[in-house]
Amino acid sequence: ADRSGTQPPGDGPGRTPLTRERVLGCAL
């Protein structure tokens, strides 16, 4: 998953939660 042993941001426990605002901001 990751050489550091962490999960991708927004897709695992303890990560920045994925929100509609984040999705749209990234799309923009």
PDB file of all heavy atoms in Angstrom:
ATOM      1  N   ALA A   1       0.828  -1.206   0.000  1.00  0.00           N
ATOM      2  CA  ALA A   1       0.000   0.000   0.000  1.00  0.00           C
ATOM      3  C   ALA A   1       0.851   1.240   0.000  1.00  0.00           C
ATOM      4  O   ALA A   1       0.597   2.197  -0.720  1.00  0.00           O
ATOM      5  CB  ALA A   1      -0.926  -0.002   1.218  1.00  0.00           C
ATOM      6  N   ASP A   2       1.920   1.222   0.768  1.00  0.00           N
ATOM      7  CA  ASP A   2       2.779   2.400   0.890  1.00  0.00           C
ATOM      8  C   ASP A   2       4.040   1.978   1.605  1.00  0.00           C
ATOM      9  O   ASP A   2       3.988   1.292   2.617  1.00  0.00           O
ATOM     10  CB  ASP A   2       2.028   3.489   1.675  1.00  0.00           C
ATOM     11  CG  ASP A   2       2.772   4.810   1.644  1.00  0.00           C
ATOM     12  OD1 ASP A   2       3.850   4.882   2.262  1.00  0.00           O
ATOM     13  OD2 ASP A   2       2.273   5.742   1.006  1.00  0.00           O
ATOM     14  N   ARG A   3       5.195   2.381   1.116  1.00  0.00           N
ATOM     15  CA  ARG A   3       6.456   1.939   1.716  1.00  0.00           C
ATOM     16  C   ARG A   3       6.630   2.435   3.132  1.00  0.00           C
ATOM     17  O   ARG A   3       7.389   1.877   3.916  1.00  0.00           O
ATOM     18  CB  ARG A   3       7.636   2.399   0.843  1.00  0.00           C
ATOM     19  CG  ARG A   3       7.669   1.708  -0.509  1.00  0.00           C
ATOM     20  CD  ARG A   3       8.939   2.058  -1.272  1.00  0.00           C
ATOM     21  NE  ARG A   3       8.939   1.421  -2.572  1.00  0.00           N
ATOM     22  CZ  ARG A   3       9.333   0.180  -2.796  1.00  0.00           C
ATOM     23  NH1 ARG A   3       9.739  -0.555  -1.778  1.00  0.00           N
ATOM     24  NH2 ARG A   3       9.322  -0.335  -4.010  1.00  0.00           N
ATOM     25  N   SER A   4       5.929   3.492   3.485  1.00  0.00           N
ATOM     26  CA  SER A   4       6.024   4.012   4.850  1.00  0.00           C
ATOM     27  C   SER A   4       5.032   3.328   5.775  1.00  0.00           C
ATOM     28  O   SER A   4       5.014   3.584   6.972  1.00  0.00           O
ATOM     29  CB  SER A   4       5.755   5.525   4.847  1.00  0.00           C
ATOM     30  OG  SER A   4       4.430   5.776   4.457  1.00  0.00           O
ATOM     31  N   GLY A   5       4.170   2.472   5.198  1.00  0.00           N
ATOM     32  CA  GLY A   5       3.192   1.773   6.012  1.00  0.00           C
ATOM     33  C   GLY A   5       1.921   2.553   6.234  1.00  0.00           C
ATOM     34  O   GLY A   5       1.057   2.150   6.993  1.00  0.00           O
ATOM     35  N   THR A   6       1.764   3.709   5.556  1.00  0.00           N
ATOM     36  CA  THR A   6       0.572   4.532   5.721  1.00  0.00           C
ATOM     37  C   THR A   6      -0.376   4.291   4.560  1.00  0.00           C
ATOM     38  O   THR A   6       0.011   3.839   3.496  1.00  0.00           O
ATOM     39  CB  THR A   6       0.923   6.024   5.770  1.00  0.00           C
ATOM     40  OG1 THR A   6       1.563   6.387   4.544  1.00  0.00           O
ATOM     41  CG2 THR A   6       1.860   6.303   6.933  1.00  0.00           C
ATOM     42  N   GLN A   7      -1.629   4.637   4.779  1.00  0.00           N
ATOM     43  CA  GLN A   7      -2.630   4.523   3.731  1.00  0.00           C
ATOM     44  C   GLN A   7      -2.686   5.834   2.958  1.00  0.00           C
ATOM     45  O   GLN A   7      -2.272   6.884   3.455  1.00  0.00           O
ATOM     46  CB  GLN A   7      -4.004   4.241   4.358  1.00  0.00           C
ATOM     47  CG  GLN A   7      -4.091   2.875   5.033  1.00  0.00           C
ATOM     48  CD  GLN A   7      -4.021   1.752   4.022  1.00  0.00           C
ATOM     49  OE1 GLN A   7      -4.528   1.878   2.922  1.00  0.00           O
ATOM     50  NE2 GLN A   7      -3.362   0.654   4.383  1.00  0.00           N
ATOM     51  N   PRO A   8      -3.219   5.821   1.717  1.00  0.00           N
ATOM     52  CA  PRO A   8      -3.360   7.062   0.959  1.00  0.00           C
ATOM     53  C   PRO A   8      -4.234   8.053   1.701  1.00  0.00           C
ATOM     54  O   PRO A   8      -5.164   7.649   2.401  1.00  0.00           O
ATOM     55  CB  PRO A   8      -4.048   6.602  -0.341  1.00  0.00           C
ATOM     56  CG  PRO A   8      -3.750   5.139  -0.435  1.00  0.00           C
ATOM     57  CD  PRO A   8      -3.673   4.653   0.981  1.00  0.00           C
ATOM     58  N   PRO A   9      -3.970   9.368   1.571  1.00  0.00           N
ATOM     59  CA  PRO A   9      -4.768  10.370   2.280  1.00  0.00           C
ATOM     60  C   PRO A   9      -6.226  10.309   1.869  1.00  0.00           C
ATOM     61  O   PRO A   9      -6.541  10.181   0.692  1.00  0.00           O
ATOM     62  CB  PRO A   9      -4.124  11.702   1.847  1.00  0.00           C
ATOM     63  CG  PRO A   9      -3.405  11.390   0.575  1.00  0.00           C
ATOM     64  CD  PRO A   9      -2.947   9.977   0.710  1.00  0.00           C
ATOM     65  N   GLY A  10      -7.108  10.396   2.854  1.00  0.00           N
ATOM     66  CA  GLY A  10      -8.533  10.430   2.580  1.00  0.00           C
ATOM     67  C   GLY A  10      -9.158   9.073   2.347  1.00  0.00           C
ATOM     68  O   GLY A  10     -10.347   8.980   2.102  1.00  0.00           O
ATOM     69  N   ASP A  11      -8.373   7.986   2.393  1.00  0.00           N
ATOM     70  CA  ASP A  11      -8.931   6.683   2.077  1.00  0.00           C
ATOM     71  C   ASP A  11      -8.681   5.662   3.175  1.00  0.00           C
ATOM     72  O   ASP A  11      -8.677   4.476   2.948  1.00  0.00           O
ATOM     73  CB  ASP A  11      -8.340   6.186   0.748  1.00  0.00           C
ATOM     74  CG  ASP A  11      -9.227   5.132   0.093  1.00  0.00           C
ATOM     75  OD1 ASP A  11     -10.448   5.164   0.305  1.00  0.00           O
ATOM     76  OD2 ASP A  11      -8.687   4.286  -0.623  1.00  0.00           O
ATOM     77  N   GLY A  12      -8.408   6.128   4.364  1.00  0.00           N
ATOM     78  CA  GLY A  12      -8.139   5.210   5.458  1.00  0.00           C
ATOM     79  C   GLY A  12      -8.379   5.885   6.789  1.00  0.00           C
ATOM     80  O   GLY A  12      -8.581   7.100   6.864  1.00  0.00           O
ATOM     81  N   PRO A  13      -8.344   5.120   7.874  1.00  0.00           N
ATOM     82  CA  PRO A  13      -8.594   5.696   9.202  1.00  0.00           C
ATOM     83  C   PRO A  13      -7.515   6.696   9.583  1.00  0.00           C
ATOM     84  O   PRO A  13      -6.347   6.522   9.283  1.00  0.00           O
ATOM     85  CB  PRO A  13      -8.579   4.458  10.111  1.00  0.00           C
ATOM     86  CG  PRO A  13      -7.800   3.428   9.354  1.00  0.00           C
ATOM     87  CD  PRO A  13      -8.086   3.672   7.913  1.00  0.00           C
ATOM     88  N   GLY A  14      -7.928   7.769  10.238  1.00  0.00           N
ATOM     89  CA  GLY A  14      -6.971   8.761  10.703  1.00  0.00           C
ATOM     90  C   GLY A  14      -6.548   9.750   9.642  1.00  0.00           C
ATOM     91  O   GLY A  14      -5.736  10.636   9.910  1.00  0.00           O
ATOM     92  N   ARG A  15      -7.098   9.627   8.415  1.00  0.00           N
ATOM     93  CA  ARG A  15      -6.711  10.528   7.332  1.00  0.00           C
ATOM     94  C   ARG A  15      -7.738  11.653   7.174  1.00  0.00           C
ATOM     95  O   ARG A  15      -8.848  11.581   7.711  1.00  0.00           O
ATOM     96  CB  ARG A  15      -6.578   9.753   6.022  1.00  0.00           C
ATOM     97  CG  ARG A  15      -5.559   8.630   6.084  1.00  0.00           C
ATOM     98  CD  ARG A  15      -4.173   9.174   6.376  1.00  0.00           C
ATOM     99  NE  ARG A  15      -3.285   8.152   6.886  1.00  0.00           N
ATOM    100  CZ  ARG A  15      -2.086   8.405   7.411  1.00  0.00           C
ATOM    101  NH1 ARG A  15      -1.677   9.659   7.541  1.00  0.00           N
ATOM    102  NH2 ARG A  15      -1.329   7.432   7.844  1.00  0.00           N
ATOM    103  N   THR A  16      -7.367  12.679   6.436  1.00  0.00           N
ATOM    104  CA  THR A  16      -8.297  13.768   6.168  1.00  0.00           C
ATOM    105  C   THR A  16      -9.531  13.216   5.468  1.00  0.00           C
ATOM    106  O   THR A  16      -9.406  12.561   4.430  1.00  0.00           O
ATOM    107  CB  THR A  16      -7.639  14.826   5.254  1.00  0.00           C
ATOM    108  OG1 THR A  16      -6.433  15.281   5.856  1.00  0.00           O
ATOM    109  CG2 THR A  16      -8.590  16.000   5.041  1.00  0.00           C
ATOM    110  N   PRO A  17     -10.695  13.430   6.025  1.00  0.00           N
ATOM    111  CA  PRO A  17     -11.894  12.819   5.435  1.00  0.00           C
ATOM    112  C   PRO A  17     -12.193  13.397   4.054  1.00  0.00           C
ATOM    113  O   PRO A  17     -11.965  14.582   3.787  1.00  0.00           O
ATOM    114  CB  PRO A  17     -12.995  13.168   6.435  1.00  0.00           C
ATOM    115  CG  PRO A  17     -12.499  14.386   7.150  1.00  0.00           C
ATOM    116  CD  PRO A  17     -11.010  14.229   7.224  1.00  0.00           C
ATOM    117  N   LEU A  18     -12.679  12.554   3.193  1.00  0.00           N
ATOM    118  CA  LEU A  18     -13.091  12.983   1.861  1.00  0.00           C
ATOM    119  C   LEU A  18     -14.459  13.640   1.973  1.00  0.00           C
ATOM    120  O   LEU A  18     -15.383  13.090   2.579  1.00  0.00           O
ATOM    121  CB  LEU A  18     -13.148  11.774   0.930  1.00  0.00           C
ATOM    122  CG  LEU A  18     -13.153  12.057  -0.577  1.00  0.00           C
ATOM    123  CD1 LEU A  18     -11.883  12.778  -0.982  1.00  0.00           C
ATOM    124  CD2 LEU A  18     -13.297  10.758  -1.350  1.00  0.00           C
ATOM    125  N   THR A  19     -14.602  14.812   1.422  1.00  0.00           N
ATOM    126  CA  THR A  19     -15.869  15.542   1.441  1.00  0.00           C
ATOM    127  C   THR A  19     -16.178  16.024   0.035  1.00  0.00           C
ATOM    128  O   THR A  19     -15.313  16.025  -0.847  1.00  0.00           O
ATOM    129  CB  THR A  19     -15.798  16.765   2.367  1.00  0.00           C
ATOM    130  OG1 THR A  19     -14.799  17.676   1.851  1.00  0.00           O
ATOM    131  CG2 THR A  19     -15.430  16.369   3.794  1.00  0.00           C
ATOM    132  N   ARG A  20     -17.397  16.448  -0.159  1.00  0.00           N
ATOM    133  CA  ARG A  20     -17.789  16.990  -1.460  1.00  0.00           C
ATOM    134  C   ARG A  20     -16.947  18.232  -1.786  1.00  0.00           C
ATOM    135  O   ARG A  20     -16.543  18.434  -2.936  1.00  0.00           O
ATOM    136  CB  ARG A  20     -19.275  17.345  -1.462  1.00  0.00           C
ATOM    137  CG  ARG A  20     -19.788  17.830  -2.806  1.00  0.00           C
ATOM    138  CD  ARG A  20     -21.291  18.054  -2.774  1.00  0.00           C
ATOM    139  NE  ARG A  20     -21.809  18.418  -4.082  1.00  0.00           N
ATOM    140  CZ  ARG A  20     -21.844  19.659  -4.565  1.00  0.00           C
ATOM    141  NH1 ARG A  20     -21.391  20.665  -3.818  1.00  0.00           N
ATOM    142  NH2 ARG A  20     -22.334  19.907  -5.765  1.00  0.00           N
ATOM    143  N   GLU A  21     -16.683  19.038  -0.775  1.00  0.00           N
ATOM    144  CA  GLU A  21     -15.894  20.249  -0.998  1.00  0.00           C
ATOM    145  C   GLU A  21     -14.473  19.918  -1.454  1.00  0.00           C
ATOM    146  O   GLU A  21     -13.925  20.574  -2.338  1.00  0.00           O
ATOM    147  CB  GLU A  21     -15.846  21.092   0.288  1.00  0.00           C
ATOM    148  CG  GLU A  21     -17.156  21.762   0.661  1.00  0.00           C
ATOM    149  CD  GLU A  21     -18.232  20.774   1.100  1.00  0.00           C
ATOM    150  OE1 GLU A  21     -17.862  19.687   1.604  1.00  0.00           O
ATOM    151  OE2 GLU A  21     -19.424  21.080   0.937  1.00  0.00           O
ATOM    152  N   ARG A  22     -13.865  18.896  -0.834  1.00  0.00           N
ATOM    153  CA  ARG A  22     -12.520  18.486  -1.245  1.00  0.00           C
ATOM    154  C   ARG A  22     -12.518  17.943  -2.667  1.00  0.00           C
ATOM    155  O   ARG A  22     -11.614  18.240  -3.461  1.00  0.00           O
ATOM    156  CB  ARG A  22     -11.976  17.403  -0.306  1.00  0.00           C
ATOM    157  CG  ARG A  22     -11.401  17.913   0.998  1.00  0.00           C
ATOM    158  CD  ARG A  22     -10.632  16.795   1.683  1.00  0.00           C
ATOM    159  NE  ARG A  22      -9.454  16.416   0.900  1.00  0.00           N
ATOM    160  CZ  ARG A  22      -8.868  15.222   0.939  1.00  0.00           C
ATOM    161  NH1 ARG A  22      -9.369  14.262   1.696  1.00  0.00           N
ATOM    162  NH2 ARG A  22      -7.803  14.973   0.214  1.00  0.00           N
ATOM    163  N   VAL A  23     -13.527  17.150  -2.998  1.00  0.00           N
ATOM    164  CA  VAL A  23     -13.615  16.579  -4.337  1.00  0.00           C
ATOM    165  C   VAL A  23     -13.734  17.686  -5.384  1.00  0.00           C
ATOM    166  O   VAL A  23     -13.010  17.697  -6.386  1.00  0.00           O
ATOM    167  CB  VAL A  23     -14.816  15.611  -4.432  1.00  0.00           C
ATOM    168  CG1 VAL A  23     -15.040  15.179  -5.877  1.00  0.00           C
ATOM    169  CG2 VAL A  23     -14.582  14.390  -3.555  1.00  0.00           C
ATOM    170  N   LEU A  24     -14.636  18.629  -5.147  1.00  0.00           N
ATOM    171  CA  LEU A  24     -14.850  19.695  -6.118  1.00  0.00           C
ATOM    172  C   LEU A  24     -13.641  20.637  -6.191  1.00  0.00           C
ATOM    173  O   LEU A  24     -13.274  21.103  -7.273  1.00  0.00           O
ATOM    174  CB  LEU A  24     -16.115  20.482  -5.772  1.00  0.00           C
ATOM    175  CG  LEU A  24     -17.425  19.705  -5.901  1.00  0.00           C
ATOM    176  CD1 LEU A  24     -18.608  20.597  -5.527  1.00  0.00           C
ATOM    177  CD2 LEU A  24     -17.602  19.149  -7.302  1.00  0.00           C
ATOM    178  N   GLY A  25     -13.025  20.910  -5.045  1.00  0.00           N
ATOM    179  CA  GLY A  25     -11.839  21.762  -5.053  1.00  0.00           C
ATOM    180  C   GLY A  25     -10.712  21.142  -5.849  1.00  0.00           C
ATOM    181  O   GLY A  25      -9.998  21.834  -6.596  1.00  0.00           O
ATOM    182  N   CYS A  26     -10.536  19.854  -5.724  1.00  0.00           N
ATOM    183  CA  CYS A  26      -9.502  19.155  -6.475  1.00  0.00           C
ATOM    184  C   CYS A  26      -9.848  19.125  -7.963  1.00  0.00           C
ATOM    185  O   CYS A  26      -8.975  19.297  -8.820  1.00  0.00           O
ATOM    186  CB  CYS A  26      -9.340  17.739  -5.938  1.00  0.00           C
ATOM    187  SG  CYS A  26      -7.971  16.823  -6.690  1.00  0.00           S
ATOM    188  N   ALA A  27     -11.123  18.920  -8.280  1.00  0.00           N
ATOM    189  CA  ALA A  27     -11.562  18.918  -9.676  1.00  0.00           C
ATOM    190  C   ALA A  27     -11.307  20.272 -10.324  1.00  0.00           C
ATOM    191  O   ALA A  27     -10.850  20.354 -11.473  1.00  0.00           O
ATOM    192  CB  ALA A  27     -13.042  18.563  -9.754  1.00  0.00           C
ATOM    193  N   LEU A  28     -11.579  21.341  -9.590  1.00  0.00           N
ATOM    194  CA  LEU A  28     -11.333  22.688 -10.095  1.00  0.00           C
ATOM    195  C   LEU A  28      -9.844  22.889 -10.368  1.00  0.00           C
ATOM    196  O   LEU A  28      -9.456  23.462 -11.395  1.00  0.00           O
ATOM    197  CB  LEU A  28     -11.831  23.712  -9.078  1.00  0.00           C
ATOM    198  CG  LEU A  28     -11.723  25.185  -9.470  1.00  0.00           C
ATOM    199  CD1 LEU A  28     -12.699  25.514 -10.579  1.00  0.00           C
ATOM    200  CD2 LEU A  28     -11.990  26.082  -8.268  1.00  0.00           C
TER     201      LEU A  28
END
